[in-house]
């Protein structure tokens, strides 16, 4: 998770979220011998979801509001 998101602090939270999701979906694990790859798959999806949501939030903050744009227009 740290490699994917670039922050150890954020990665710790995402790993906790991974275990919560894994526990909630434990009934979906049909072959216990693949639990490790199953868990890593959940972790990857949790991290990618975080990055996607973070990107959406960044894009929202980068777009100026229309009222702000009106202030920037010089009437002369």
PDB file of N, CA and C in Angstrom:
ATOM      1  N   UNK A   1       0.827  -1.194   0.000  1.00  0.00           N
ATOM      2  CA  UNK A   1       0.000   0.000   0.000  1.00  0.00           C
ATOM      3  C   UNK A   1       0.871   1.258   0.000  1.00  0.00           C
ATOM      4  N   UNK A   2       1.966   1.224   0.744  1.00  0.00           N
ATOM      5  CA  UNK A   2       2.841   2.401   0.784  1.00  0.00           C
ATOM      6  C   UNK A   2       3.401   2.698  -0.605  1.00  0.00           C
ATOM      7  N   UNK A   3       3.780   1.660  -1.337  1.00  0.00           N
ATOM      8  CA  UNK A   3       4.296   1.879  -2.695  1.00  0.00           C
ATOM      9  C   UNK A   3       3.231   2.460  -3.610  1.00  0.00           C
ATOM     10  N   UNK A   4       2.018   2.036  -3.455  1.00  0.00           N
ATOM     11  CA  UNK A   4       0.953   2.524  -4.333  1.00  0.00           C
ATOM     12  C   UNK A   4       0.548   3.955  -4.022  1.00  0.00           C
ATOM     13  N   UNK A   5       0.427   4.289  -2.742  1.00  0.00           N
ATOM     14  CA  UNK A   5      -0.085   5.623  -2.381  1.00  0.00           C
ATOM     15  C   UNK A   5       1.006   6.614  -2.010  1.00  0.00           C
ATOM     16  N   UNK A   6       2.218   6.135  -1.727  1.00  0.00           N
ATOM     17  CA  UNK A   6       3.337   7.035  -1.471  1.00  0.00           C
ATOM     18  C   UNK A   6       3.412   7.608  -0.071  1.00  0.00           C
ATOM     19  N   UNK A   7       2.572   7.148   0.834  1.00  0.00           N
ATOM     20  CA  UNK A   7       2.582   7.673   2.195  1.00  0.00           C
ATOM     21  C   UNK A   7       2.357   6.529   3.178  1.00  0.00           C
ATOM     22  N   UNK A   8       3.273   6.376   4.112  1.00  0.00           N
ATOM     23  CA  UNK A   8       3.159   5.300   5.097  1.00  0.00           C
ATOM     24  C   UNK A   8       1.951   5.514   6.005  1.00  0.00           C
ATOM     25  N   UNK A   9       1.675   6.755   6.362  1.00  0.00           N
ATOM     26  CA  UNK A   9       0.529   7.044   7.234  1.00  0.00           C
ATOM     27  C   UNK A   9      -0.793   6.684   6.557  1.00  0.00           C
ATOM     28  N   UNK A  10      -0.938   7.085   5.307  1.00  0.00           N
ATOM     29  CA  UNK A  10      -2.154   6.758   4.557  1.00  0.00           C
ATOM     30  C   UNK A  10      -2.240   5.256   4.354  1.00  0.00           C
ATOM     31  N   UNK A  11      -1.106   4.628   4.063  1.00  0.00           N
ATOM     32  CA  UNK A  11      -1.078   3.186   3.829  1.00  0.00           C
ATOM     33  C   UNK A  11      -1.557   2.411   5.060  1.00  0.00           C
ATOM     34  N   UNK A  12      -1.197   2.869   6.254  1.00  0.00           N
ATOM     35  CA  UNK A  12      -1.656   2.195   7.475  1.00  0.00           C
ATOM     36  C   UNK A  12      -3.177   2.193   7.544  1.00  0.00           C
ATOM     37  N   UNK A  13      -3.789   3.320   7.235  1.00  0.00           N
ATOM     38  CA  UNK A  13      -5.248   3.404   7.245  1.00  0.00           C
ATOM     39  C   UNK A  13      -5.857   2.489   6.184  1.00  0.00           C
ATOM     40  N   UNK A  14      -5.228   2.436   5.021  1.00  0.00           N
ATOM     41  CA  UNK A  14      -5.747   1.608   3.939  1.00  0.00           C
ATOM     42  C   UNK A  14      -5.608   0.122   4.251  1.00  0.00           C
ATOM     43  N   UNK A  15      -4.547  -0.255   4.953  1.00  0.00           N
ATOM     44  CA  UNK A  15      -4.388  -1.654   5.360  1.00  0.00           C
ATOM     45  C   UNK A  15      -5.484  -2.031   6.361  1.00  0.00           C
ATOM     46  N   UNK A  16      -5.800  -1.132   7.269  1.00  0.00           N
ATOM     47  CA  UNK A  16      -6.896  -1.394   8.204  1.00  0.00           C
ATOM     48  C   UNK A  16      -8.207  -1.568   7.448  1.00  0.00           C
ATOM     49  N   UNK A  17      -8.449  -0.712   6.471  1.00  0.00           N
ATOM     50  CA  UNK A  17      -9.654  -0.823   5.651  1.00  0.00           C
ATOM     51  C   UNK A  17      -9.661  -2.148   4.885  1.00  0.00           C
ATOM     52  N   UNK A  18      -8.488  -2.574   4.432  1.00  0.00           N
ATOM     53  CA  UNK A  18      -8.367  -3.852   3.733  1.00  0.00           C
ATOM     54  C   UNK A  18      -8.819  -5.003   4.623  1.00  0.00           C
ATOM     55  N   UNK A  19      -8.364  -5.028   5.861  1.00  0.00           N
ATOM     56  CA  UNK A  19      -8.744  -6.113   6.763  1.00  0.00           C
ATOM     57  C   UNK A  19     -10.230  -6.070   7.100  1.00  0.00           C
ATOM     58  N   UNK A  20     -10.785  -4.877   7.199  1.00  0.00           N
ATOM     59  CA  UNK A  20     -12.228  -4.765   7.450  1.00  0.00           C
ATOM     60  C   UNK A  20     -13.009  -5.349   6.272  1.00  0.00           C
ATOM     61  N   UNK A  21     -12.607  -4.991   5.058  1.00  0.00           N
ATOM     62  CA  UNK A  21     -13.269  -5.538   3.870  1.00  0.00           C
ATOM     63  C   UNK A  21     -13.069  -7.042   3.762  1.00  0.00           C
ATOM     64  N   UNK A  22     -11.865  -7.515   4.054  1.00  0.00           N
ATOM     65  CA  UNK A  22     -11.588  -8.953   3.977  1.00  0.00           C
ATOM     66  C   UNK A  22     -12.448  -9.716   4.974  1.00  0.00           C
ATOM     67  N   UNK A  23     -12.575  -9.196   6.164  1.00  0.00           N
ATOM     68  CA  UNK A  23     -13.396  -9.852   7.173  1.00  0.00           C
ATOM     69  C   UNK A  23     -14.857  -9.900   6.723  1.00  0.00           C
ATOM     70  N   UNK A  24     -15.335  -8.801   6.149  1.00  0.00           N
ATOM     71  CA  UNK A  24     -16.719  -8.742   5.693  1.00  0.00           C
ATOM     72  C   UNK A  24     -16.978  -9.683   4.515  1.00  0.00           C
ATOM     73  N   UNK A  25     -15.933  -9.969   3.729  1.00  0.00           N
ATOM     74  CA  UNK A  25     -16.092 -10.810   2.535  1.00  0.00           C
ATOM     75  C   UNK A  25     -15.471 -12.197   2.695  1.00  0.00           C
ATOM     76  N   UNK A  26     -15.164 -12.580   3.896  1.00  0.00           N
ATOM     77  CA  UNK A  26     -14.487 -13.865   4.137  1.00  0.00           C
ATOM     78  C   UNK A  26     -15.271 -15.049   3.570  1.00  0.00           C
ATOM     79  N   UNK A  27     -16.576 -14.942   3.516  1.00  0.00           N
ATOM     80  CA  UNK A  27     -17.391 -16.036   2.964  1.00  0.00           C
ATOM     81  C   UNK A  27     -17.156 -16.227   1.471  1.00  0.00           C
ATOM     82  N   UNK A  28     -16.628 -15.199   0.796  1.00  0.00           N
ATOM     83  CA  UNK A  28     -16.375 -15.297  -0.642  1.00  0.00           C
ATOM     84  C   UNK A  28     -15.083 -16.049  -0.970  1.00  0.00           C
ATOM     85  N   UNK A  29     -14.255 -16.283   0.020  1.00  0.00           N
ATOM     86  CA  UNK A  29     -12.995 -16.995  -0.204  1.00  0.00           C
ATOM     87  C   UNK A  29     -13.279 -18.493  -0.252  1.00  0.00           C
ATOM     88  N   UNK A  30     -13.300 -19.043  -1.459  1.00  0.00           N
ATOM     89  CA  UNK A  30     -13.665 -20.454  -1.638  1.00  0.00           C
ATOM     90  C   UNK A  30     -12.473 -21.393  -1.401  1.00  0.00           C
ATOM     91  N   UNK A  31     -11.276 -20.933  -1.747  1.00  0.00           N
ATOM     92  CA  UNK A  31     -10.084 -21.775  -1.618  1.00  0.00           C
ATOM     93  C   UNK A  31      -9.125 -21.116  -0.624  1.00  0.00           C
ATOM     94  N   UNK A  32      -9.096 -21.568   0.623  1.00  0.00           N
ATOM     95  CA  UNK A  32      -8.236 -20.952   1.632  1.00  0.00           C
ATOM     96  C   UNK A  32      -6.756 -20.959   1.291  1.00  0.00           C
ATOM     97  N   UNK A  33      -6.328 -21.802   0.351  1.00  0.00           N
ATOM     98  CA  UNK A  33      -4.904 -21.843   0.011  1.00  0.00           C
ATOM     99  C   UNK A  33      -4.468 -20.592  -0.764  1.00  0.00           C
ATOM    100  N   UNK A  34      -5.414 -19.811  -1.258  1.00  0.00           N
ATOM    101  CA  UNK A  34      -5.062 -18.595  -2.010  1.00  0.00           C
ATOM    102  C   UNK A  34      -5.385 -17.335  -1.211  1.00  0.00           C
ATOM    103  N   UNK A  35      -5.519 -17.465   0.107  1.00  0.00           N
ATOM    104  CA  UNK A  35      -5.910 -16.317   0.925  1.00  0.00           C
ATOM    105  C   UNK A  35      -4.959 -15.141   0.788  1.00  0.00           C
ATOM    106  N   UNK A  36      -3.665 -15.437   0.632  1.00  0.00           N
ATOM    107  CA  UNK A  36      -2.683 -14.351   0.547  1.00  0.00           C
ATOM    108  C   UNK A  36      -2.904 -13.502  -0.700  1.00  0.00           C
ATOM    109  N   UNK A  37      -3.043 -14.123  -1.851  1.00  0.00           N
ATOM    110  CA  UNK A  37      -3.277 -13.356  -3.081  1.00  0.00           C
ATOM    111  C   UNK A  37      -4.644 -12.696  -3.046  1.00  0.00           C
ATOM    112  N   UNK A  38      -5.626 -13.346  -2.428  1.00  0.00           N
ATOM    113  CA  UNK A  38      -6.964 -12.768  -2.268  1.00  0.00           C
ATOM    114  C   UNK A  38      -6.882 -11.485  -1.435  1.00  0.00           C
ATOM    115  N   UNK A  39      -6.137 -11.544  -0.338  1.00  0.00           N
ATOM    116  CA  UNK A  39      -5.984 -10.381   0.536  1.00  0.00           C
ATOM    117  C   UNK A  39      -5.220  -9.263  -0.173  1.00  0.00           C
ATOM    118  N   UNK A  40      -4.161  -9.615  -0.921  1.00  0.00           N
ATOM    119  CA  UNK A  40      -3.414  -8.606  -1.670  1.00  0.00           C
ATOM    120  C   UNK A  40      -4.294  -7.959  -2.735  1.00  0.00           C
ATOM    121  N   UNK A  41      -5.184  -8.733  -3.338  1.00  0.00           N
ATOM    122  CA  UNK A  41      -6.117  -8.185  -4.327  1.00  0.00           C
ATOM    123  C   UNK A  41      -7.049  -7.163  -3.706  1.00  0.00           C
ATOM    124  N   UNK A  42      -7.543  -7.464  -2.522  1.00  0.00           N
ATOM    125  CA  UNK A  42      -8.401  -6.514  -1.814  1.00  0.00           C
ATOM    126  C   UNK A  42      -7.607  -5.255  -1.486  1.00  0.00           C
ATOM    127  N   UNK A  43      -6.380  -5.417  -1.009  1.00  0.00           N
ATOM    128  CA  UNK A  43      -5.537  -4.263  -0.670  1.00  0.00           C
ATOM    129  C   UNK A  43      -5.298  -3.392  -1.896  1.00  0.00           C
ATOM    130  N   UNK A  44      -5.016  -4.013  -3.023  1.00  0.00           N
ATOM    131  CA  UNK A  44      -4.787  -3.249  -4.252  1.00  0.00           C
ATOM    132  C   UNK A  44      -6.033  -2.460  -4.623  1.00  0.00           C
ATOM    133  N   UNK A  45      -7.188  -3.088  -4.546  1.00  0.00           N
ATOM    134  CA  UNK A  45      -8.431  -2.400  -4.885  1.00  0.00           C
ATOM    135  C   UNK A  45      -8.735  -1.253  -3.928  1.00  0.00           C
ATOM    136  N   UNK A  46      -8.463  -1.448  -2.644  1.00  0.00           N
ATOM    137  CA  UNK A  46      -8.672  -0.382  -1.657  1.00  0.00           C
ATOM    138  C   UNK A  46      -7.758   0.811  -1.971  1.00  0.00           C
ATOM    139  N   UNK A  47      -6.504   0.525  -2.294  1.00  0.00           N
ATOM    140  CA  UNK A  47      -5.551   1.596  -2.619  1.00  0.00           C
ATOM    141  C   UNK A  47      -5.937   2.318  -3.904  1.00  0.00           C
ATOM    142  N   UNK A  48      -6.337   1.574  -4.919  1.00  0.00           N
ATOM    143  CA  UNK A  48      -6.727   2.204  -6.183  1.00  0.00           C
ATOM    144  C   UNK A  48      -7.988   3.046  -6.003  1.00  0.00           C
ATOM    145  N   UNK A  49      -8.911   2.577  -5.185  1.00  0.00           N
ATOM    146  CA  UNK A  49     -10.117   3.363  -4.893  1.00  0.00           C
ATOM    147  C   UNK A  49      -9.741   4.667  -4.197  1.00  0.00           C
ATOM    148  N   UNK A  50      -8.806   4.581  -3.245  1.00  0.00           N
ATOM    149  CA  UNK A  50      -8.332   5.784  -2.551  1.00  0.00           C
ATOM    150  C   UNK A  50      -7.720   6.777  -3.548  1.00  0.00           C
ATOM    151  N   UNK A  51      -6.857   6.284  -4.432  1.00  0.00           N
ATOM    152  CA  UNK A  51      -6.201   7.160  -5.403  1.00  0.00           C
ATOM    153  C   UNK A  51      -7.209   7.778  -6.366  1.00  0.00           C
ATOM    154  N   UNK A  52      -8.201   6.993  -6.773  1.00  0.00           N
ATOM    155  CA  UNK A  52      -9.229   7.511  -7.676  1.00  0.00           C
ATOM    156  C   UNK A  52     -10.036   8.605  -6.975  1.00  0.00           C
ATOM    157  N   UNK A  53     -10.441   8.361  -5.738  1.00  0.00           N
ATOM    158  CA  UNK A  53     -11.203   9.354  -4.987  1.00  0.00           C
ATOM    159  C   UNK A  53     -10.366  10.595  -4.690  1.00  0.00           C
ATOM    160  N   UNK A  54      -9.097  10.396  -4.406  1.00  0.00           N
ATOM    161  CA  UNK A  54      -8.194  11.521  -4.151  1.00  0.00           C
ATOM    162  C   UNK A  54      -8.041  12.370  -5.414  1.00  0.00           C
ATOM    163  N   UNK A  55      -7.959  11.719  -6.568  1.00  0.00           N
ATOM    164  CA  UNK A  55      -7.848  12.435  -7.834  1.00  0.00           C
ATOM    165  C   UNK A  55      -9.089  13.248  -8.128  1.00  0.00           C
ATOM    166  N   UNK A  56     -10.259  12.699  -7.827  1.00  0.00           N
ATOM    167  CA  UNK A  56     -11.511  13.428  -8.030  1.00  0.00           C
ATOM    168  C   UNK A  56     -11.566  14.646  -7.125  1.00  0.00           C
ATOM    169  N   UNK A  57     -11.125  14.476  -5.879  1.00  0.00           N
ATOM    170  CA  UNK A  57     -11.129  15.585  -4.931  1.00  0.00           C
ATOM    171  C   UNK A  57     -10.169  16.678  -5.379  1.00  0.00           C
ATOM    172  N   UNK A  58      -8.993  16.283  -5.859  1.00  0.00           N
ATOM    173  CA  UNK A  58      -8.007  17.254  -6.339  1.00  0.00           C
ATOM    174  C   UNK A  58      -8.548  18.009  -7.542  1.00  0.00           C
ATOM    175  N   UNK A  59      -9.208  17.308  -8.441  1.00  0.00           N
ATOM    176  CA  UNK A  59      -9.774  17.959  -9.629  1.00  0.00           C
ATOM    177  C   UNK A  59     -10.858  18.951  -9.232  1.00  0.00           C
ATOM    178  N   UNK A  60     -11.677  18.590  -8.248  1.00  0.00           N
ATOM    179  CA  UNK A  60     -12.726  19.512  -7.792  1.00  0.00           C
ATOM    180  C   UNK A  60     -12.127  20.781  -7.206  1.00  0.00           C
ATOM    181  N   UNK A  61     -11.040  20.630  -6.448  1.00  0.00           N
ATOM    182  CA  UNK A  61     -10.417  21.802  -5.838  1.00  0.00           C
ATOM    183  C   UNK A  61      -9.689  22.655  -6.870  1.00  0.00           C
ATOM    184  N   UNK A  62      -9.246  22.054  -7.965  1.00  0.00           N
ATOM    185  CA  UNK A  62      -8.493  22.784  -8.981  1.00  0.00           C
ATOM    186  C   UNK A  62      -9.400  23.616  -9.879  1.00  0.00           C
ATOM    187  N   UNK A  63     -10.666  23.247  -9.997  1.00  0.00           N
ATOM    188  CA  UNK A  63     -11.589  23.992 -10.850  1.00  0.00           C
ATOM    189  C   UNK A  63     -12.117  25.213 -10.108  1.00  0.00           C
ATOM    190  N   UNK A  64     -11.870  26.406 -10.646  1.00  0.00           N
ATOM    191  CA  UNK A  64     -12.360  27.618  -9.972  1.00  0.00           C
ATOM    192  C   UNK A  64     -13.879  27.717 -10.081  1.00  0.00           C
ATOM    193  N   UNK A  65     -14.465  28.351  -9.104  1.00  0.00           N
ATOM    194  CA  UNK A  65     -15.908  28.583  -9.137  1.00  0.00           C
ATOM    195  C   UNK A  65     -16.220  29.690 -10.131  1.00  0.00           C
ATOM    196  N   UNK A  66     -17.407  29.659 -10.693  1.00  0.00           N
ATOM    197  CA  UNK A  66     -17.763  30.674 -11.685  1.00  0.00           C
ATOM    198  C   UNK A  66     -17.763  32.066 -11.076  1.00  0.00           C
ATOM    199  N   UNK A  67     -18.173  32.186  -9.807  1.00  0.00           N
ATOM    200  CA  UNK A  67     -18.170  33.504  -9.170  1.00  0.00           C
ATOM    201  C   UNK A  67     -16.743  34.010  -8.991  1.00  0.00           C
ATOM    202  N   UNK A  68     -15.809  33.115  -8.763  1.00  0.00           N
ATOM    203  CA  UNK A  68     -14.405  33.500  -8.633  1.00  0.00           C
ATOM    204  C   UNK A  68     -13.885  33.985  -9.977  1.00  0.00           C
ATOM    205  N   UNK A  69     -14.275  33.326 -11.050  1.00  0.00           N
ATOM    206  CA  UNK A  69     -13.839  33.736 -12.381  1.00  0.00           C
ATOM    207  C   UNK A  69     -14.345  35.138 -12.714  1.00  0.00           C
ATOM    208  N   UNK A  70     -15.527  35.467 -12.287  1.00  0.00           N
ATOM    209  CA  UNK A  70     -16.074  36.801 -12.555  1.00  0.00           C
ATOM    210  C   UNK A  70     -15.224  37.894 -11.900  1.00  0.00           C
ATOM    211  N   UNK A  71     -14.683  37.608 -10.752  1.00  0.00           N
ATOM    212  CA  UNK A  71     -13.827  38.572 -10.064  1.00  0.00           C
ATOM    213  C   UNK A  71     -12.518  38.810 -10.810  1.00  0.00           C
ATOM    214  N   UNK A  72     -12.080  37.792 -11.565  1.00  0.00           N
ATOM    215  CA  UNK A  72     -10.808  37.893 -12.246  1.00  0.00           C
ATOM    216  C   UNK A  72     -10.905  38.632 -13.580  1.00  0.00           C
ATOM    217  N   UNK A  73     -12.101  38.790 -14.106  1.00  0.00           N
ATOM    218  CA  UNK A  73     -12.270  39.449 -15.397  1.00  0.00           C
ATOM    219  C   UNK A  73     -12.109  40.959 -15.245  1.00  0.00           C
ATOM    220  N   UNK A  74     -11.225  41.517 -16.041  1.00  0.00           N
ATOM    221  CA  UNK A  74     -10.998  42.967 -16.016  1.00  0.00           C
ATOM    222  C   UNK A  74     -12.011  43.618 -16.968  1.00  0.00           C
ATOM    223  N   UNK A  75     -12.856  44.526 -16.492  1.00  0.00           N
ATOM    224  CA  UNK A  75     -13.861  45.134 -17.339  1.00  0.00           C
ATOM    225  C   UNK A  75     -13.300  46.107 -18.372  1.00  0.00           C
ATOM    226  N   UNK A  76     -12.071  46.548 -18.241  1.00  0.00           N
ATOM    227  CA  UNK A  76     -11.492  47.527 -19.178  1.00  0.00           C
ATOM    228  C   UNK A  76     -11.022  46.881 -20.387  1.00  0.00           C
TER     229      UNK A  76
END
